[in-house]
Amino acid sequence: FSRWSVDKQDEWQAYQAKFNSAQDAAWNDQKETQASQASASSSGRRSAQEYRKQHEMKVISSFSGSVPQPIQDFEAAGLPEKVLKEIQDAKFSEPTPIQAQCWPIL
């Protein structure tokens, strides 16, 4: 091995360690999200799995393996009050499935 190879190997190992710690953090975030989702579902909201099954959605993450929970009502979307009022005036009952799953990412 040349010195360059050793440096690149060290760089690769540092990258792997960073990636693994990010995955661990994502796993912990996912567990916290699942716990909060369980409490939300007990208050009458559907779980993310139920929502996705009902709407025939398959969601895949190519980054950390964790997928954000869908936003199932407009109030949870954190929209400005004027926008929320317009949505209510238009009598939309809930976000479309693509809105529900994509808004948490945006």
PDB file of N, CA and C in Angstrom:
ATOM      1  N   PHE A   1       0.824  -1.200   0.000  1.00  0.00           N
ATOM      2  CA  PHE A   1       0.000   0.000   0.000  1.00  0.00           C
ATOM      3  C   PHE A   1       0.861   1.254   0.000  1.00  0.00           C
ATOM      4  N   SER A   2       0.435   2.192  -0.756  1.00  0.00           N
ATOM      5  CA  SER A   2       1.113   3.489  -0.732  1.00  0.00           C
ATOM      6  C   SER A   2       0.480   4.354   0.361  1.00  0.00           C
ATOM      7  N   ARG A   3       1.087   5.451   0.667  1.00  0.00           N
ATOM      8  CA  ARG A   3       0.534   6.367   1.682  1.00  0.00           C
ATOM      9  C   ARG A   3      -0.837   6.870   1.251  1.00  0.00           C
ATOM     10  N   TRP A   4      -0.996   7.095  -0.076  1.00  0.00           N
ATOM     11  CA  TRP A   4      -2.287   7.545  -0.601  1.00  0.00           C
ATOM     12  C   TRP A   4      -3.375   6.532  -0.277  1.00  0.00           C
ATOM     13  N   SER A   5      -3.079   5.235  -0.453  1.00  0.00           N
ATOM     14  CA  SER A   5      -4.061   4.180  -0.173  1.00  0.00           C
ATOM     15  C   SER A   5      -4.453   4.171   1.298  1.00  0.00           C
ATOM     16  N   VAL A   6      -3.487   4.356   2.176  1.00  0.00           N
ATOM     17  CA  VAL A   6      -3.769   4.368   3.611  1.00  0.00           C
ATOM     18  C   VAL A   6      -4.635   5.578   3.961  1.00  0.00           C
ATOM     19  N   ASP A   7      -4.310   6.733   3.385  1.00  0.00           N
ATOM     20  CA  ASP A   7      -5.111   7.934   3.627  1.00  0.00           C
ATOM     21  C   ASP A   7      -6.547   7.738   3.148  1.00  0.00           C
ATOM     22  N   LYS A   8      -6.698   7.165   1.975  1.00  0.00           N
ATOM     23  CA  LYS A   8      -8.041   6.933   1.434  1.00  0.00           C
ATOM     24  C   LYS A   8      -8.798   5.917   2.288  1.00  0.00           C
ATOM     25  N   GLN A   9      -8.092   4.908   2.787  1.00  0.00           N
ATOM     26  CA  GLN A   9      -8.730   3.927   3.648  1.00  0.00           C
ATOM     27  C   GLN A   9      -9.200   4.595   4.939  1.00  0.00           C
ATOM     28  N   ASP A  10      -8.358   5.472   5.517  1.00  0.00           N
ATOM     29  CA  ASP A  10      -8.751   6.209   6.719  1.00  0.00           C
ATOM     30  C   ASP A  10      -9.957   7.093   6.440  1.00  0.00           C
ATOM     31  N   GLU A  11      -9.938   7.735   5.274  1.00  0.00           N
ATOM     32  CA  GLU A  11     -11.056   8.603   4.885  1.00  0.00           C
ATOM     33  C   GLU A  11     -12.341   7.778   4.738  1.00  0.00           C
ATOM     34  N   TRP A  12     -12.219   6.606   4.123  1.00  0.00           N
ATOM     35  CA  TRP A  12     -13.377   5.736   3.946  1.00  0.00           C
ATOM     36  C   TRP A  12     -13.915   5.253   5.296  1.00  0.00           C
ATOM     37  N   GLN A  13     -13.035   4.876   6.200  1.00  0.00           N
ATOM     38  CA  GLN A  13     -13.471   4.423   7.520  1.00  0.00           C
ATOM     39  C   GLN A  13     -14.157   5.547   8.293  1.00  0.00           C
ATOM     40  N   ALA A  14     -13.638   6.768   8.162  1.00  0.00           N
ATOM     41  CA  ALA A  14     -14.275   7.920   8.817  1.00  0.00           C
ATOM     42  C   ALA A  14     -15.660   8.152   8.226  1.00  0.00           C
ATOM     43  N   TYR A  15     -15.782   8.015   6.903  1.00  0.00           N
ATOM     44  CA  TYR A  15     -17.084   8.163   6.252  1.00  0.00           C
ATOM     45  C   TYR A  15     -18.056   7.092   6.747  1.00  0.00           C
ATOM     46  N   GLN A  16     -17.592   5.849   6.824  1.00  0.00           N
ATOM     47  CA  GLN A  16     -18.449   4.758   7.294  1.00  0.00           C
ATOM     48  C   GLN A  16     -18.920   5.006   8.727  1.00  0.00           C
ATOM     49  N   ALA A  17     -18.036   5.476   9.587  1.00  0.00           N
ATOM     50  CA  ALA A  17     -18.402   5.760  10.976  1.00  0.00           C
ATOM     51  C   ALA A  17     -19.454   6.857  11.036  1.00  0.00           C
ATOM     52  N   LYS A  18     -19.275   7.890  10.215  1.00  0.00           N
ATOM     53  CA  LYS A  18     -20.248   8.993  10.169  1.00  0.00           C
ATOM     54  C   LYS A  18     -21.597   8.488   9.661  1.00  0.00           C
ATOM     55  N   PHE A  19     -21.566   7.669   8.621  1.00  0.00           N
ATOM     56  CA  PHE A  19     -22.794   7.111   8.059  1.00  0.00           C
ATOM     57  C   PHE A  19     -23.515   6.236   9.082  1.00  0.00           C
ATOM     58  N   ASN A  20     -22.759   5.372   9.785  1.00  0.00           N
ATOM     59  CA  ASN A  20     -23.361   4.496  10.786  1.00  0.00           C
ATOM     60  C   ASN A  20     -23.975   5.286  11.930  1.00  0.00           C
ATOM     61  N   SER A  21     -23.308   6.366  12.362  1.00  0.00           N
ATOM     62  CA  SER A  21     -23.876   7.168  13.449  1.00  0.00           C
ATOM     63  C   SER A  21     -25.126   7.889  12.979  1.00  0.00           C
ATOM     64  N   ALA A  22     -25.166   8.310  11.704  1.00  0.00           N
ATOM     65  CA  ALA A  22     -26.370   8.944  11.159  1.00  0.00           C
ATOM     66  C   ALA A  22     -27.516   7.947  11.107  1.00  0.00           C
ATOM     67  N   GLN A  23     -27.213   6.706  10.749  1.00  0.00           N
ATOM     68  CA  GLN A  23     -28.249   5.677  10.727  1.00  0.00           C
ATOM     69  C   GLN A  23     -28.772   5.413  12.128  1.00  0.00           C
ATOM     70  N   ASP A  24     -27.879   5.377  13.119  1.00  0.00           N
ATOM     71  CA  ASP A  24     -28.299   5.178  14.500  1.00  0.00           C
ATOM     72  C   ASP A  24     -29.203   6.310  14.956  1.00  0.00           C
ATOM     73  N   ALA A  25     -28.844   7.543  14.601  1.00  0.00           N
ATOM     74  CA  ALA A  25     -29.661   8.707  14.965  1.00  0.00           C
ATOM     75  C   ALA A  25     -31.021   8.623  14.280  1.00  0.00           C
ATOM     76  N   ALA A  26     -31.028   8.217  13.012  1.00  0.00           N
ATOM     77  CA  ALA A  26     -32.296   8.079  12.281  1.00  0.00           C
ATOM     78  C   ALA A  26     -33.158   6.991  12.923  1.00  0.00           C
ATOM     79  N   TRP A  27     -32.512   5.912  13.360  1.00  0.00           N
ATOM     80  CA  TRP A  27     -33.244   4.833  14.023  1.00  0.00           C
ATOM     81  C   TRP A  27     -33.887   5.337  15.308  1.00  0.00           C
ATOM     82  N   ASN A  28     -33.144   6.116  16.093  1.00  0.00           N
ATOM     83  CA  ASN A  28     -33.691   6.668  17.329  1.00  0.00           C
ATOM     84  C   ASN A  28     -34.828   7.630  17.040  1.00  0.00           C
ATOM     85  N   ASP A  29     -34.672   8.469  15.997  1.00  0.00           N
ATOM     86  CA  ASP A  29     -35.742   9.387  15.607  1.00  0.00           C
ATOM     87  C   ASP A  29     -36.981   8.617  15.182  1.00  0.00           C
ATOM     88  N   GLN A  30     -36.766   7.517  14.450  1.00  0.00           N
ATOM     89  CA  GLN A  30     -37.884   6.713  13.989  1.00  0.00           C
ATOM     90  C   GLN A  30     -38.618   6.105  15.176  1.00  0.00           C
ATOM     91  N   LYS A  31     -37.887   5.628  16.182  1.00  0.00           N
ATOM     92  CA  LYS A  31     -38.519   5.065  17.373  1.00  0.00           C
ATOM     93  C   LYS A  31     -39.337   6.128  18.102  1.00  0.00           C
ATOM     94  N   GLU A  32     -38.794   7.349  18.223  1.00  0.00           N
ATOM     95  CA  GLU A  32     -39.530   8.436  18.871  1.00  0.00           C
ATOM     96  C   GLU A  32     -40.781   8.783  18.079  1.00  0.00           C
ATOM     97  N   THR A  33     -40.650   8.799  16.750  1.00  0.00           N
ATOM     98  CA  THR A  33     -41.793   9.096  15.890  1.00  0.00           C
ATOM     99  C   THR A  33     -42.861   8.024  16.044  1.00  0.00           C
ATOM    100  N   GLN A  34     -42.443   6.779  16.112  1.00  0.00           N
ATOM    101  CA  GLN A  34     -43.406   5.700  16.283  1.00  0.00           C
ATOM    102  C   GLN A  34     -44.124   5.817  17.617  1.00  0.00           C
ATOM    103  N   ALA A  35     -43.414   6.209  18.650  1.00  0.00           N
ATOM    104  CA  ALA A  35     -44.040   6.387  19.957  1.00  0.00           C
ATOM    105  C   ALA A  35     -45.050   7.520  19.920  1.00  0.00           C
ATOM    106  N   SER A  36     -44.691   8.642  19.274  1.00  0.00           N
ATOM    107  CA  SER A  36     -45.636   9.755  19.189  1.00  0.00           C
ATOM    108  C   SER A  36     -46.791   9.398  18.269  1.00  0.00           C
ATOM    109  N   GLN A  37     -46.514   8.599  17.255  1.00  0.00           N
ATOM    110  CA  GLN A  37     -47.569   8.150  16.352  1.00  0.00           C
ATOM    111  C   GLN A  37     -48.563   7.257  17.095  1.00  0.00           C
ATOM    112  N   ALA A  38     -48.059   6.413  17.971  1.00  0.00           N
ATOM    113  CA  ALA A  38     -48.934   5.535  18.744  1.00  0.00           C
ATOM    114  C   ALA A  38     -49.867   6.362  19.614  1.00  0.00           C
ATOM    115  N   SER A  39     -49.352   7.434  20.212  1.00  0.00           N
ATOM    116  CA  SER A  39     -50.227   8.277  21.030  1.00  0.00           C
ATOM    117  C   SER A  39     -51.206   9.039  20.157  1.00  0.00           C
ATOM    118  N   ALA A  40     -50.769   9.455  18.961  1.00  0.00           N
ATOM    119  CA  ALA A  40     -51.679  10.157  18.046  1.00  0.00           C
ATOM    120  C   ALA A  40     -52.751   9.210  17.537  1.00  0.00           C
ATOM    121  N   SER A  41     -52.375   7.963  17.262  1.00  0.00           N
ATOM    122  CA  SER A  41     -53.360   7.033  16.736  1.00  0.00           C
ATOM    123  C   SER A  41     -54.381   6.668  17.801  1.00  0.00           C
ATOM    124  N   SER A  42     -53.981   6.723  19.054  1.00  0.00           N
ATOM    125  CA  SER A  42     -54.952   6.440  20.110  1.00  0.00           C
ATOM    126  C   SER A  42     -55.960   7.574  20.235  1.00  0.00           C
ATOM    127  N   SER A  43     -55.608   8.754  19.721  1.00  0.00           N
ATOM    128  CA  SER A  43     -56.548   9.870  19.773  1.00  0.00           C
ATOM    129  C   SER A  43     -57.424   9.914  18.530  1.00  0.00           C
ATOM    130  N   GLY A  44     -57.445   8.859  17.731  1.00  0.00           N
ATOM    131  CA  GLY A  44     -58.356   8.763  16.608  1.00  0.00           C
ATOM    132  C   GLY A  44     -57.700   8.875  15.241  1.00  0.00           C
ATOM    133  N   ARG A  45     -56.445   9.245  15.161  1.00  0.00           N
ATOM    134  CA  ARG A  45     -55.780   9.327  13.870  1.00  0.00           C
ATOM    135  C   ARG A  45     -55.269   7.960  13.466  1.00  0.00           C
ATOM    136  N   ARG A  46     -55.277   7.720  12.164  1.00  0.00           N
ATOM    137  CA  ARG A  46     -54.782   6.444  11.661  1.00  0.00           C
ATOM    138  C   ARG A  46     -53.267   6.401  11.748  1.00  0.00           C
ATOM    139  N   SER A  47     -52.731   5.223  11.926  1.00  0.00           N
ATOM    140  CA  SER A  47     -51.275   5.082  11.906  1.00  0.00           C
ATOM    141  C   SER A  47     -50.787   5.275  10.477  1.00  0.00           C
ATOM    142  N   ALA A  48     -49.503   5.546  10.352  1.00  0.00           N
ATOM    143  CA  ALA A  48     -48.927   5.754   9.026  1.00  0.00           C
ATOM    144  C   ALA A  48     -49.097   4.510   8.161  1.00  0.00           C
ATOM    145  N   GLN A  49     -48.903   3.338   8.771  1.00  0.00           N
ATOM    146  CA  GLN A  49     -49.054   2.097   7.997  1.00  0.00           C
ATOM    147  C   GLN A  49     -50.491   1.931   7.501  1.00  0.00           C
ATOM    148  N   GLU A  50     -51.452   2.211   8.369  1.00  0.00           N
ATOM    149  CA  GLU A  50     -52.859   2.097   7.962  1.00  0.00           C
ATOM    150  C   GLU A  50     -53.179   3.085   6.847  1.00  0.00           C
ATOM    151  N   TYR A  51     -52.676   4.314   6.996  1.00  0.00           N
ATOM    152  CA  TYR A  51     -52.915   5.359   6.001  1.00  0.00           C
ATOM    153  C   TYR A  51     -52.344   4.940   4.647  1.00  0.00           C
ATOM    154  N   ARG A  52     -51.083   4.480   4.669  1.00  0.00           N
ATOM    155  CA  ARG A  52     -50.450   4.079   3.416  1.00  0.00           C
ATOM    156  C   ARG A  52     -51.149   2.871   2.790  1.00  0.00           C
ATOM    157  N   LYS A  53     -51.582   1.951   3.612  1.00  0.00           N
ATOM    158  CA  LYS A  53     -52.283   0.773   3.089  1.00  0.00           C
ATOM    159  C   LYS A  53     -53.611   1.189   2.458  1.00  0.00           C
ATOM    160  N   GLN A  54     -54.347   2.053   3.136  1.00  0.00           N
ATOM    161  CA  GLN A  54     -55.639   2.508   2.612  1.00  0.00           C
ATOM    162  C   GLN A  54     -55.476   3.199   1.260  1.00  0.00           C
ATOM    163  N   HIS A  55     -54.392   3.962   1.103  1.00  0.00           N
ATOM    164  CA  HIS A  55     -54.170   4.718  -0.125  1.00  0.00           C
ATOM    165  C   HIS A  55     -53.234   4.010  -1.102  1.00  0.00           C
ATOM    166  N   GLU A  56     -52.941   2.735  -0.816  1.00  0.00           N
ATOM    167  CA  GLU A  56     -52.107   1.900  -1.677  1.00  0.00           C
ATOM    168  C   GLU A  56     -50.771   2.575  -1.981  1.00  0.00           C
ATOM    169  N   MET A  57     -50.126   3.066  -0.940  1.00  0.00           N
ATOM    170  CA  MET A  57     -48.848   3.767  -1.083  1.00  0.00           C
ATOM    171  C   MET A  57     -47.703   2.859  -0.689  1.00  0.00           C
ATOM    172  N   LYS A  58     -46.631   2.898  -1.467  1.00  0.00           N
ATOM    173  CA  LYS A  58     -45.385   2.232  -1.111  1.00  0.00           C
ATOM    174  C   LYS A  58     -44.324   3.312  -1.075  1.00  0.00           C
ATOM    175  N   VAL A  59     -43.731   3.512   0.081  1.00  0.00           N
ATOM    176  CA  VAL A  59     -42.761   4.584   0.258  1.00  0.00           C
ATOM    177  C   VAL A  59     -41.403   3.975   0.567  1.00  0.00           C
ATOM    178  N   ILE A  60     -40.399   4.399  -0.166  1.00  0.00           N
ATOM    179  CA  ILE A  60     -39.053   3.878  -0.002  1.00  0.00           C
ATOM    180  C   ILE A  60     -38.110   5.056   0.224  1.00  0.00           C
ATOM    181  N   SER A  61     -37.234   4.917   1.193  1.00  0.00           N
ATOM    182  CA  SER A  61     -36.230   5.948   1.440  1.00  0.00           C
ATOM    183  C   SER A  61     -34.875   5.435   0.991  1.00  0.00           C
ATOM    184  N   SER A  62     -34.186   6.224   0.209  1.00  0.00           N
ATOM    185  CA  SER A  62     -32.856   5.819  -0.237  1.00  0.00           C
ATOM    186  C   SER A  62     -31.755   6.454   0.602  1.00  0.00           C
ATOM    187  N   PHE A  63     -32.134   7.212   1.634  1.00  0.00           N
ATOM    188  CA  PHE A  63     -31.125   7.898   2.426  1.00  0.00           C
ATOM    189  C   PHE A  63     -30.848   7.171   3.729  1.00  0.00           C
ATOM    190  N   SER A  64     -31.697   7.346   4.714  1.00  0.00           N
ATOM    191  CA  SER A  64     -31.394   6.797   6.036  1.00  0.00           C
ATOM    192  C   SER A  64     -32.290   5.626   6.404  1.00  0.00           C
ATOM    193  N   GLY A  65     -33.214   5.275   5.547  1.00  0.00           N
ATOM    194  CA  GLY A  65     -34.101   4.174   5.867  1.00  0.00           C
ATOM    195  C   GLY A  65     -35.352   4.622   6.592  1.00  0.00           C
ATOM    196  N   SER A  66     -35.359   5.829   7.144  1.00  0.00           N
ATOM    197  CA  SER A  66     -36.550   6.295   7.830  1.00  0.00           C
ATOM    198  C   SER A  66     -37.386   7.142   6.877  1.00  0.00           C
ATOM    199  N   VAL A  67     -38.678   6.987   6.971  1.00  0.00           N
ATOM    200  CA  VAL A  67     -39.605   7.718   6.121  1.00  0.00           C
ATOM    201  C   VAL A  67     -40.486   8.565   7.031  1.00  0.00           C
ATOM    202  N   PRO A  68     -40.635   9.853   6.736  1.00  0.00           N
ATOM    203  CA  PRO A  68     -41.478  10.691   7.587  1.00  0.00           C
ATOM    204  C   PRO A  68     -42.930  10.223   7.585  1.00  0.00           C
ATOM    205  N   GLN A  69     -43.608  10.500   8.679  1.00  0.00           N
ATOM    206  CA  GLN A  69     -45.013  10.144   8.801  1.00  0.00           C
ATOM    207  C   GLN A  69     -45.853  11.059   7.914  1.00  0.00           C
ATOM    208  N   PRO A  70     -46.891  10.541   7.269  1.00  0.00           N
ATOM    209  CA  PRO A  70     -47.738  11.400   6.438  1.00  0.00           C
ATOM    210  C   PRO A  70     -48.533  12.382   7.303  1.00  0.00           C
ATOM    211  N   ILE A  71     -48.753  13.561   6.765  1.00  0.00           N
ATOM    212  CA  ILE A  71     -49.591  14.564   7.429  1.00  0.00           C
ATOM    213  C   ILE A  71     -51.024  14.271   7.029  1.00  0.00           C
ATOM    214  N   GLN A  72     -51.853  13.890   7.973  1.00  0.00           N
ATOM    215  CA  GLN A  72     -53.179  13.400   7.647  1.00  0.00           C
ATOM    216  C   GLN A  72     -54.269  14.463   7.714  1.00  0.00           C
ATOM    217  N   ASP A  73     -53.941  15.653   8.206  1.00  0.00           N
ATOM    218  CA  ASP A  73     -54.925  16.738   8.179  1.00  0.00           C
ATOM    219  C   ASP A  73     -54.199  18.061   7.976  1.00  0.00           C
ATOM    220  N   PHE A  74     -54.924  19.041   7.463  1.00  0.00           N
ATOM    221  CA  PHE A  74     -54.307  20.319   7.115  1.00  0.00           C
ATOM    222  C   PHE A  74     -53.783  21.065   8.343  1.00  0.00           C
ATOM    223  N   GLU A  75     -54.438  20.907   9.473  1.00  0.00           N
ATOM    224  CA  GLU A  75     -54.011  21.608  10.682  1.00  0.00           C
ATOM    225  C   GLU A  75     -52.609  21.171  11.106  1.00  0.00           C
ATOM    226  N   ALA A  76     -52.282  19.911  10.891  1.00  0.00           N
ATOM    227  CA  ALA A  76     -50.970  19.382  11.277  1.00  0.00           C
ATOM    228  C   ALA A  76     -49.873  19.794  10.301  1.00  0.00           C
ATOM    229  N   ALA A  77     -50.247  20.378   9.173  1.00  0.00           N
ATOM    230  CA  ALA A  77     -49.262  20.737   8.151  1.00  0.00           C
ATOM    231  C   ALA A  77     -48.488  21.999   8.497  1.00  0.00           C
ATOM    232  N   GLY A  78     -48.971  22.770   9.451  1.00  0.00           N
ATOM    233  CA  GLY A  78     -48.269  23.995   9.826  1.00  0.00           C
ATOM    234  C   GLY A  78     -48.373  25.081   8.772  1.00  0.00           C
ATOM    235  N   LEU A  79     -49.488  25.121   8.088  1.00  0.00           N
ATOM    236  CA  LEU A  79     -49.697  26.130   7.046  1.00  0.00           C
ATOM    237  C   LEU A  79     -50.058  27.470   7.662  1.00  0.00           C
ATOM    238  N   PRO A  80     -49.773  28.573   6.958  1.00  0.00           N
ATOM    239  CA  PRO A  80     -50.201  29.881   7.460  1.00  0.00           C
ATOM    240  C   PRO A  80     -51.726  29.934   7.605  1.00  0.00           C
ATOM    241  N   GLU A  81     -52.199  30.745   8.530  1.00  0.00           N
ATOM    242  CA  GLU A  81     -53.641  30.806   8.802  1.00  0.00           C
ATOM    243  C   GLU A  81     -54.452  31.188   7.570  1.00  0.00           C
ATOM    244  N   LYS A  82     -53.951  32.120   6.760  1.00  0.00           N
ATOM    245  CA  LYS A  82     -54.684  32.535   5.551  1.00  0.00           C
ATOM    246  C   LYS A  82     -54.849  31.362   4.585  1.00  0.00           C
ATOM    247  N   VAL A  83     -53.793  30.582   4.436  1.00  0.00           N
ATOM    248  CA  VAL A  83     -53.854  29.424   3.541  1.00  0.00           C
ATOM    249  C   VAL A  83     -54.819  28.389   4.108  1.00  0.00           C
ATOM    250  N   LEU A  84     -54.742  28.147   5.407  1.00  0.00           N
ATOM    251  CA  LEU A  84     -55.634  27.193   6.050  1.00  0.00           C
ATOM    252  C   LEU A  84     -57.093  27.619   5.891  1.00  0.00           C
ATOM    253  N   LYS A  85     -57.362  28.909   6.010  1.00  0.00           N
ATOM    254  CA  LYS A  85     -58.736  29.424   5.853  1.00  0.00           C
ATOM    255  C   LYS A  85     -59.226  29.185   4.425  1.00  0.00           C
ATOM    256  N   GLU A  86     -58.372  29.437   3.434  1.00  0.00           N
ATOM    257  CA  GLU A  86     -58.754  29.208   2.037  1.00  0.00           C
ATOM    258  C   GLU A  86     -59.060  27.724   1.789  1.00  0.00           C
ATOM    259  N   ILE A  87     -58.264  26.867   2.384  1.00  0.00           N
ATOM    260  CA  ILE A  87     -58.488  25.430   2.238  1.00  0.00           C
ATOM    261  C   ILE A  87     -59.828  25.041   2.849  1.00  0.00           C
ATOM    262  N   GLN A  88     -60.113  25.580   4.031  1.00  0.00           N
ATOM    263  CA  GLN A  88     -61.386  25.289   4.693  1.00  0.00           C
ATOM    264  C   GLN A  88     -62.561  25.861   3.906  1.00  0.00           C
ATOM    265  N   ASP A  89     -62.405  27.084   3.357  1.00  0.00           N
ATOM    266  CA  ASP A  89     -63.464  27.695   2.540  1.00  0.00           C
ATOM    267  C   ASP A  89     -63.739  26.874   1.288  1.00  0.00           C
ATOM    268  N   ALA A  90     -62.700  26.260   0.742  1.00  0.00           N
ATOM    269  CA  ALA A  90     -62.856  25.421  -0.450  1.00  0.00           C
ATOM    270  C   ALA A  90     -63.409  24.044  -0.101  1.00  0.00           C
ATOM    271  N   LYS A  91     -63.543  23.776   1.198  1.00  0.00           N
ATOM    272  CA  LYS A  91     -64.124  22.533   1.708  1.00  0.00           C
ATOM    273  C   LYS A  91     -63.301  21.280   1.380  1.00  0.00           C
ATOM    274  N   PHE A  92     -61.969  21.448   1.359  1.00  0.00           N
ATOM    275  CA  PHE A  92     -61.113  20.278   1.245  1.00  0.00           C
ATOM    276  C   PHE A  92     -61.080  19.603   2.610  1.00  0.00           C
ATOM    277  N   SER A  93     -61.275  18.296   2.646  1.00  0.00           N
ATOM    278  CA  SER A  93     -61.358  17.605   3.930  1.00  0.00           C
ATOM    279  C   SER A  93     -59.991  17.136   4.446  1.00  0.00           C
ATOM    280  N   GLU A  94     -59.115  16.726   3.549  1.00  0.00           N
ATOM    281  CA  GLU A  94     -57.794  16.251   3.952  1.00  0.00           C
ATOM    282  C   GLU A  94     -56.844  16.356   2.766  1.00  0.00           C
ATOM    283  N   PRO A  95     -55.539  16.366   3.031  1.00  0.00           N
ATOM    284  CA  PRO A  95     -54.568  16.422   1.922  1.00  0.00           C
ATOM    285  C   PRO A  95     -54.665  15.171   1.050  1.00  0.00           C
ATOM    286  N   THR A  96     -54.287  15.322  -0.201  1.00  0.00           N
ATOM    287  CA  THR A  96     -54.224  14.147  -1.066  1.00  0.00           C
ATOM    288  C   THR A  96     -53.098  13.253  -0.544  1.00  0.00           C
ATOM    289  N   PRO A  97     -53.092  11.985  -0.891  1.00  0.00           N
ATOM    290  CA  PRO A  97     -52.020  11.104  -0.413  1.00  0.00           C
ATOM    291  C   PRO A  97     -50.619  11.604  -0.759  1.00  0.00           C
ATOM    292  N   ILE A  98     -50.433  12.140  -1.958  1.00  0.00           N
ATOM    293  CA  ILE A  98     -49.088  12.613  -2.319  1.00  0.00           C
ATOM    294  C   ILE A  98     -48.716  13.841  -1.496  1.00  0.00           C
ATOM    295  N   GLN A  99     -49.676  14.720  -1.224  1.00  0.00           N
ATOM    296  CA  GLN A  99     -49.398  15.868  -0.346  1.00  0.00           C
ATOM    297  C   GLN A  99     -49.053  15.387   1.054  1.00  0.00           C
ATOM    298  N   ALA A 100     -49.846  14.452   1.559  1.00  0.00           N
ATOM    299  CA  ALA A 100     -49.661  13.970   2.923  1.00  0.00           C
ATOM    300  C   ALA A 100     -48.270  13.381   3.124  1.00  0.00           C
ATOM    301  N   GLN A 101     -47.773  12.649   2.144  1.00  0.00           N
ATOM    302  CA  GLN A 101     -46.479  12.003   2.313  1.00  0.00           C
ATOM    303  C   GLN A 101     -45.314  12.920   1.953  1.00  0.00           C
ATOM    304  N   CYS A 102     -45.502  13.843   1.027  1.00  0.00           N
ATOM    305  CA  CYS A 102     -44.387  14.699   0.584  1.00  0.00           C
ATOM    306  C   CYS A 102     -44.184  15.943   1.444  1.00  0.00           C
ATOM    307  N   TRP A 103     -45.225  16.522   2.003  1.00  0.00           N
ATOM    308  CA  TRP A 103     -45.076  17.751   2.773  1.00  0.00           C
ATOM    309  C   TRP A 103     -44.068  17.635   3.921  1.00  0.00           C
ATOM    310  N   PRO A 104     -43.996  16.527   4.641  1.00  0.00           N
ATOM    311  CA  PRO A 104     -42.992  16.459   5.710  1.00  0.00           C
ATOM    312  C   PRO A 104     -41.552  16.550   5.200  1.00  0.00           C
ATOM    313  N   ILE A 105     -41.343  16.225   3.957  1.00  0.00           N
ATOM    314  CA  ILE A 105     -40.007  16.254   3.377  1.00  0.00           C
ATOM    315  C   ILE A 105     -39.648  17.663   2.925  1.00  0.00           C
ATOM    316  N   LEU A 106     -40.642  18.407   2.470  1.00  0.00           N
ATOM    317  CA  LEU A 106     -40.387  19.745   1.905  1.00  0.00           C
ATOM    318  C   LEU A 106     -40.097  20.766   2.946  1.00  0.00           C
TER     319      LEU A 106
END
